[in-house]
């Protein structure tokens, strides 16, 4: 009896001390859908979305300056990479695919990349540092499109076709959150695909994923790398996705790897539906979001707890800081309180 009382007391104490995670809504009144999110620091946040809309905050999300990029009012900017409060690169996905840069906080934008090839569809953009970047696109003639920048995004160079990864029929990438492409360490990047096949691509490796796949709405949408700052990091991964046409389906929507994608395990308690983005937010802590809610994991992705039923497309932690922000439909932006 005494042992039972002691156990109850310990559990009660643990429950009381467990940190609560809630979302503080910062914006929720625009008609655009936001899928691009770059959190430079605890104060500087950039977002990009449909209808040519760009948002920037330099006070931790308390106030926002919204602009519609001139001559691009009908374009969908699915990703943004910000370097500071003045410099950012945005990605317009489809024909013609283009990248634009600002150096004055979004007041003016200049094209730095343009490709009008038939079938062009950009999915994600990533930078290792202030100089070296990469952009990923859907397959053209059976090979994924990849271009590189070595001067901070000012110029982009498509890699030769014969060096691009081969795709299989019906395999592509999802421009869902800009996070299906990630830096693996200081030298390498990796990306995940979906559709008829869902795989992890690391240089010349193509590793099969056990995530739900087989139709155009299924597959991996996002990958998170736990320690991408280390030269030998990048071993611990979380992949999320599912079926965006059935966003409450919890079948095979999340998998974990501790050996750089060679083997995968399913969580004991998975996310509560389709998820378009996953992000490490601290040691063993992760967050993921999708159109039907947001989940938090305190144990490296082994167990997920639903903290909100609001829909979001993307969640990112500050590059310099600990703040976590989310963005999604109808101009919705939130900050994680944790």
Protein backbone atom coordinates (compact mmCIF):
# COMPACT_ATOMS: atom_id res chain seq x y z
CA UNK A 1 0.00 0.00 0.00
CA UNK A 2 2.77 2.42 0.89
CA UNK A 3 4.55 1.60 -2.38
CA UNK A 4 1.38 2.35 -4.34
CA UNK A 5 0.93 5.70 -2.58
CA UNK A 6 4.58 6.56 -3.26
CA UNK A 7 4.20 5.71 -6.97
CA UNK A 8 1.08 7.88 -7.27
CA UNK A 9 2.91 10.74 -5.60
CA UNK A 10 5.86 10.45 -7.98
CA UNK A 11 3.58 10.39 -11.02
CA UNK A 12 1.62 13.39 -9.76
CA UNK A 13 4.83 15.30 -9.16
CA UNK A 14 6.13 14.42 -12.64
CA UNK A 15 2.87 15.52 -14.23
CA UNK A 16 2.90 18.80 -12.32
CA UNK A 17 6.47 19.56 -13.37
CA UNK A 18 6.04 18.62 -17.02
CA UNK A 19 6.35 21.80 -19.11
CA UNK A 20 3.19 22.80 -20.92
CA UNK A 21 3.42 23.58 -24.62
CA UNK A 22 0.85 25.92 -26.09
CA UNK A 23 0.54 28.02 -29.23
CA UNK A 24 0.26 31.79 -29.14
CA UNK A 25 -1.46 33.00 -32.33
CA UNK A 26 0.26 36.03 -33.85
CA UNK A 27 -1.58 36.36 -37.17
CA UNK A 28 -4.74 34.73 -38.50
CA UNK A 29 -6.52 37.15 -40.82
CA UNK A 30 -4.95 36.96 -44.29
CA UNK A 31 -6.24 35.15 -47.37
CA UNK A 32 -2.84 33.73 -48.33
CA UNK A 33 -1.47 30.31 -47.46
CA UNK A 34 2.01 30.35 -45.87
CA UNK A 35 4.45 27.51 -46.48
CA UNK A 36 7.78 29.35 -46.35
CA UNK A 37 9.21 30.16 -42.90
CA UNK A 38 12.72 31.23 -41.91
CA UNK A 39 13.46 32.12 -38.29
CA UNK A 40 16.79 33.97 -38.20
CA UNK A 41 16.75 34.68 -34.47
CA UNK A 42 14.35 35.06 -31.56
CA UNK A 43 13.40 38.46 -33.02
CA UNK A 44 13.71 38.17 -36.82
CA UNK A 45 11.18 36.00 -38.70
CA UNK A 46 10.32 35.86 -42.40
CA UNK A 47 7.38 34.07 -44.05
CA UNK A 48 6.34 33.57 -47.69
CA UNK A 49 3.18 32.32 -49.29
CA UNK A 50 0.58 32.44 -52.02
CA UNK A 51 -0.63 35.57 -53.84
CA UNK A 52 2.93 36.87 -53.85
CA UNK A 53 2.82 37.62 -50.12
CA UNK A 54 5.88 38.11 -47.92
CA UNK A 55 5.84 38.86 -44.20
CA UNK A 56 8.62 40.02 -41.90
CA UNK A 57 8.80 40.67 -38.18
CA UNK A 58 11.77 42.11 -36.29
CA UNK A 59 10.14 42.10 -32.85
CA UNK A 60 9.55 38.39 -32.19
CA UNK A 61 6.29 38.32 -34.13
CA UNK A 62 4.50 41.10 -32.24
CA UNK A 63 4.10 43.17 -35.41
CA UNK A 64 4.42 42.24 -39.08
CA UNK A 65 5.12 44.12 -42.28
CA UNK A 66 3.32 42.49 -45.20
CA UNK A 67 4.18 43.10 -48.84
CA UNK A 68 2.99 41.68 -52.14
CA UNK A 69 5.93 41.32 -54.51
CA UNK A 70 5.39 43.55 -57.52
CA UNK A 71 4.80 41.64 -60.80
CA UNK A 72 4.56 38.40 -58.80
CA UNK A 73 1.13 38.94 -57.27
CA UNK A 74 -0.20 35.60 -58.55
CA UNK A 75 2.84 33.52 -57.65
CA UNK A 76 3.19 31.05 -54.81
CA UNK A 77 6.37 31.48 -52.78
CA UNK A 78 6.71 28.08 -51.09
CA UNK A 79 10.06 28.68 -49.37
CA UNK A 80 12.13 31.52 -47.96
CA UNK A 81 15.69 31.57 -46.66
CA UNK A 82 16.53 34.63 -44.57
CA UNK A 83 20.02 35.67 -43.49
CA UNK A 84 19.19 38.71 -41.34
CA UNK A 85 16.52 41.40 -41.10
CA UNK A 86 17.47 42.77 -44.53
CA UNK A 87 18.55 39.85 -46.74
CA UNK A 88 16.34 36.96 -47.86
CA UNK A 89 15.74 34.70 -50.86
CA UNK A 90 12.25 33.51 -51.85
CA UNK A 91 11.28 30.63 -54.14
CA UNK A 92 8.44 30.69 -56.69
CA UNK A 93 7.71 27.10 -57.58
CA UNK A 94 6.31 26.59 -61.08
CA UNK A 95 6.88 27.56 -64.72
CA UNK A 96 8.78 29.75 -64.85
CA UNK A 97 10.50 28.69 -61.64
CA UNK A 98 12.37 31.60 -60.09
CA UNK A 99 14.25 32.81 -57.04
CA UNK A 100 14.17 36.44 -55.89
CA UNK A 101 16.46 38.25 -53.46
CA UNK A 102 16.01 41.29 -51.26
CA UNK A 103 18.75 43.27 -49.55
CA UNK A 104 16.52 45.96 -48.08
CA UNK A 105 14.14 44.09 -45.81
CA UNK A 106 11.66 43.16 -48.55
CA UNK A 107 11.05 46.63 -49.98
CA UNK A 108 12.43 45.53 -53.35
CA UNK A 109 13.07 42.12 -54.90
CA UNK A 110 15.37 41.18 -57.76
CA UNK A 111 15.37 37.88 -59.72
CA UNK A 112 18.54 35.84 -59.17
CA UNK A 113 17.40 32.63 -60.90
CA UNK A 114 14.90 31.86 -63.66
CA UNK A 115 14.14 28.62 -65.50
CA UNK A 116 11.21 28.34 -67.91
CA UNK A 117 11.80 24.71 -68.87
CA UNK A 118 8.65 22.66 -69.29
CA UNK A 119 7.88 20.73 -66.11
CA UNK A 120 9.92 22.96 -63.77
CA UNK A 121 8.58 22.81 -60.23
CA UNK A 122 10.82 23.80 -57.31
CA UNK A 123 10.19 22.16 -53.94
CA UNK A 124 12.66 23.42 -51.35
CA UNK A 125 15.74 25.52 -50.71
CA UNK A 126 18.47 25.12 -48.10
CA UNK A 127 21.68 26.91 -47.12
CA UNK A 128 24.62 25.42 -45.24
CA UNK A 129 25.89 28.88 -44.31
CA UNK A 130 25.79 32.46 -45.59
CA UNK A 131 27.40 31.49 -48.90
CA UNK A 132 26.58 27.92 -49.91
CA UNK A 133 23.02 26.92 -50.85
CA UNK A 134 21.01 24.35 -52.80
CA UNK A 135 17.56 24.24 -54.41
CA UNK A 136 15.60 21.07 -55.26
CA UNK A 137 12.96 20.52 -57.92
CA UNK A 138 10.69 17.76 -59.19
CA UNK A 139 12.09 15.33 -61.77
CA UNK A 140 12.50 16.44 -65.37
CA UNK A 141 13.11 13.64 -67.86
CA UNK A 142 13.57 11.16 -65.05
CA UNK A 143 16.00 13.11 -62.86
CA UNK A 144 15.45 15.42 -59.89
CA UNK A 145 16.37 19.05 -60.58
CA UNK A 146 19.18 20.51 -58.43
CA UNK A 147 20.95 23.88 -58.59
CA UNK A 148 23.67 25.28 -56.32
CA UNK A 149 24.78 28.72 -55.15
CA UNK A 150 28.18 29.60 -53.75
CA UNK A 151 27.75 33.34 -53.23
CA UNK A 152 24.85 33.65 -50.82
CA UNK A 153 22.12 33.08 -53.40
CA UNK A 154 23.16 35.80 -55.84
CA UNK A 155 23.89 33.30 -58.62
CA UNK A 156 22.65 29.73 -59.14
CA UNK A 157 24.18 26.93 -61.20
CA UNK A 158 22.16 23.86 -62.23
CA UNK A 159 24.22 20.72 -61.80
CA UNK A 160 24.72 18.65 -64.99
CA UNK A 161 21.82 16.37 -65.83
CA UNK A 162 23.91 13.21 -65.62
CA UNK A 163 24.85 14.06 -62.01
CA UNK A 164 21.26 14.51 -60.83
CA UNK A 165 19.55 11.68 -58.88
CA UNK A 166 17.32 9.44 -60.96
CA UNK A 167 13.62 9.19 -60.12
CA UNK A 168 11.14 6.41 -60.69
CA UNK A 169 7.79 6.86 -62.48
CA UNK A 170 5.34 8.70 -60.25
CA UNK A 171 8.03 9.74 -57.76
CA UNK A 172 8.40 13.44 -56.92
CA UNK A 173 8.81 15.83 -53.98
CA UNK A 174 6.28 17.88 -52.04
CA UNK A 175 6.63 21.66 -51.86
CA UNK A 176 4.79 21.49 -48.55
CA UNK A 177 7.10 23.25 -46.09
CA UNK A 178 10.54 23.67 -47.59
CA UNK A 179 11.87 20.92 -45.33
CA UNK A 180 12.07 17.84 -47.54
CA UNK A 181 15.59 19.09 -48.30
CA UNK A 182 18.01 19.47 -45.37
CA UNK A 183 21.70 19.93 -44.71
CA UNK A 184 23.06 16.68 -43.33
CA UNK A 185 26.32 18.09 -42.00
CA UNK A 186 28.76 20.82 -43.02
CA UNK A 187 29.37 19.21 -46.40
CA UNK A 188 26.31 17.21 -47.45
CA UNK A 189 22.58 17.57 -47.96
CA UNK A 190 19.79 15.03 -48.27
CA UNK A 191 16.17 15.02 -49.43
CA UNK A 192 13.08 12.81 -49.27
CA UNK A 193 10.60 11.99 -52.02
CA UNK A 194 7.00 10.80 -52.20
CA UNK A 195 4.28 9.65 -54.53
CA UNK A 196 4.59 6.19 -56.03
CA UNK A 197 7.91 5.75 -54.21
CA UNK A 198 9.22 7.39 -51.06
CA UNK A 199 12.98 7.42 -50.60
CA UNK A 200 15.82 9.20 -48.84
CA UNK A 201 18.55 10.52 -51.14
CA UNK A 202 22.09 11.08 -49.78
CA UNK A 203 24.57 11.73 -52.57
CA UNK A 204 24.56 8.52 -54.64
CA UNK A 205 22.49 6.58 -52.09
CA UNK A 206 18.76 5.97 -52.47
CA UNK A 207 17.34 4.49 -49.27
CA UNK A 208 13.79 3.14 -49.19
CA UNK A 209 11.45 4.64 -46.61
CA UNK A 210 8.71 2.61 -44.87
CA UNK A 211 6.35 5.59 -44.83
CA UNK A 212 2.93 5.39 -46.53
CA UNK A 213 3.37 5.59 -50.32
CA UNK A 214 1.94 4.43 -53.63
CA UNK A 215 -0.27 7.32 -54.77
CA UNK A 216 0.39 10.94 -55.70
CA UNK A 217 -0.86 12.25 -52.33
CA UNK A 218 1.29 9.95 -50.17
CA UNK A 219 4.90 9.80 -49.06
CA UNK A 220 7.48 11.70 -47.06
CA UNK A 221 6.98 15.47 -46.80
CA UNK A 222 9.72 16.49 -44.37
CA UNK A 223 12.91 15.28 -42.72
CA UNK A 224 14.60 16.60 -39.58
CA UNK A 225 18.27 16.03 -38.80
CA UNK A 226 19.13 16.23 -35.10
CA UNK A 227 22.73 17.46 -35.24
CA UNK A 228 23.37 18.95 -38.65
CA UNK A 229 25.99 21.40 -37.31
CA UNK A 230 28.54 18.68 -36.59
CA UNK A 231 30.98 17.48 -39.24
CA UNK A 232 30.08 13.91 -38.33
CA UNK A 233 26.49 14.62 -37.31
CA UNK A 234 23.26 13.82 -39.07
CA UNK A 235 22.77 10.25 -37.84
CA UNK A 236 19.46 10.80 -35.99
CA UNK A 237 16.55 11.52 -38.31
CA UNK A 238 12.78 11.90 -38.20
CA UNK A 239 10.68 11.65 -41.36
CA UNK A 240 7.00 12.62 -41.50
CA UNK A 241 4.31 12.61 -44.16
CA UNK A 242 1.34 10.36 -44.79
CA UNK A 243 -1.55 11.14 -47.12
CA UNK A 244 -2.46 14.81 -47.47
CA UNK A 245 -5.79 13.88 -49.06
CA UNK A 246 -6.74 12.05 -45.83
CA UNK A 247 -5.10 14.22 -43.21
CA UNK A 248 -6.58 12.42 -40.18
CA UNK A 249 -5.06 9.08 -41.25
CA UNK A 250 -2.33 8.03 -38.78
CA UNK A 251 -1.07 5.04 -40.75
CA UNK A 252 2.73 5.04 -41.38
CA UNK A 253 3.07 8.82 -41.12
CA UNK A 254 6.30 9.00 -39.07
CA UNK A 255 9.54 7.01 -38.80
CA UNK A 256 12.81 7.39 -36.89
CA UNK A 257 16.40 6.45 -37.71
CA UNK A 258 19.56 6.45 -35.62
CA UNK A 259 21.92 5.34 -38.39
CA UNK A 260 21.49 7.93 -41.14
CA UNK A 261 18.54 6.21 -42.77
CA UNK A 262 19.83 2.67 -43.02
CA UNK A 263 17.12 1.36 -40.66
CA UNK A 264 13.85 2.88 -39.51
CA UNK A 265 11.43 2.32 -36.63
CA UNK A 266 7.90 3.59 -36.07
CA UNK A 267 7.06 5.63 -32.96
CA UNK A 268 5.24 3.96 -30.09
CA UNK A 269 2.68 6.78 -30.31
CA UNK A 270 2.72 8.52 -33.67
CA UNK A 271 1.57 11.98 -34.76
CA UNK A 272 -2.18 12.46 -35.01
CA UNK A 273 -2.49 12.59 -38.79
CA UNK A 274 -0.72 13.69 -41.96
CA UNK A 275 2.26 15.93 -41.19
CA UNK A 276 3.96 18.28 -43.66
CA UNK A 277 6.85 19.41 -41.44
CA UNK A 278 9.01 18.14 -38.58
CA UNK A 279 11.69 20.05 -36.64
CA UNK A 280 14.07 19.30 -33.79
CA UNK A 281 13.62 22.04 -31.17
CA UNK A 282 15.98 20.85 -28.44
CA UNK A 283 17.80 17.82 -27.16
CA UNK A 284 15.45 14.89 -27.80
CA UNK A 285 12.54 17.32 -28.37
CA UNK A 286 10.74 17.67 -31.67
CA UNK A 287 7.62 19.27 -33.13
CA UNK A 288 5.61 18.39 -36.23
CA UNK A 289 2.57 19.95 -37.88
CA UNK A 290 0.03 19.35 -40.59
CA UNK A 291 -3.35 20.47 -41.81
CA UNK A 292 -5.18 18.89 -38.86
CA UNK A 293 -2.91 19.76 -35.93
CA UNK A 294 0.42 20.05 -34.14
CA UNK A 295 2.27 17.38 -32.14
CA UNK A 296 5.16 17.57 -29.68
CA UNK A 297 7.60 14.78 -28.76
CA UNK A 298 9.76 14.95 -25.60
CA UNK A 299 11.68 11.73 -26.31
CA UNK A 300 13.24 11.95 -29.76
CA UNK A 301 10.07 11.13 -31.69
CA UNK A 302 9.17 7.92 -29.88
CA UNK A 303 5.93 9.39 -28.53
CA UNK A 304 3.90 12.31 -29.84
CA UNK A 305 1.26 14.38 -28.03
CA UNK A 306 -1.29 16.54 -29.83
CA UNK A 307 -1.13 20.11 -28.50
CA UNK A 308 -3.41 21.83 -31.04
CA UNK A 309 -6.03 20.94 -33.62
CA UNK A 310 -5.24 24.05 -35.68
CA UNK A 311 -3.74 23.43 -39.10
CA UNK A 312 -0.21 24.56 -39.97
CA UNK A 313 2.09 23.82 -42.91
CA UNK A 314 5.52 24.57 -41.46
CA UNK A 315 7.32 24.83 -38.10
CA UNK A 316 10.88 26.08 -37.57
CA UNK A 317 13.22 26.86 -34.69
CA UNK A 318 15.40 29.97 -34.66
CA UNK A 319 18.84 29.49 -36.22
CA UNK A 320 20.22 31.73 -33.46
CA UNK A 321 18.02 31.26 -30.39
CA UNK A 322 15.38 28.89 -29.07
CA UNK A 323 12.11 30.41 -30.33
CA UNK A 324 9.83 28.16 -32.40
CA UNK A 325 7.32 29.53 -34.90
CA UNK A 326 4.66 27.92 -37.08
CA UNK A 327 2.81 29.14 -40.19
CA UNK A 328 -0.05 27.87 -42.31
CA UNK A 329 -3.33 28.59 -44.07
CA UNK A 330 -5.16 31.95 -43.96
CA UNK A 331 -1.97 33.76 -43.00
CA UNK A 332 -1.85 31.93 -39.67
CA UNK A 333 1.36 32.37 -37.68
CA UNK A 334 1.96 31.14 -34.14
CA UNK A 335 4.75 30.99 -31.57
CA UNK A 336 5.30 27.91 -29.45
CA UNK A 337 5.29 28.69 -25.74
CA UNK A 338 7.55 26.10 -24.10
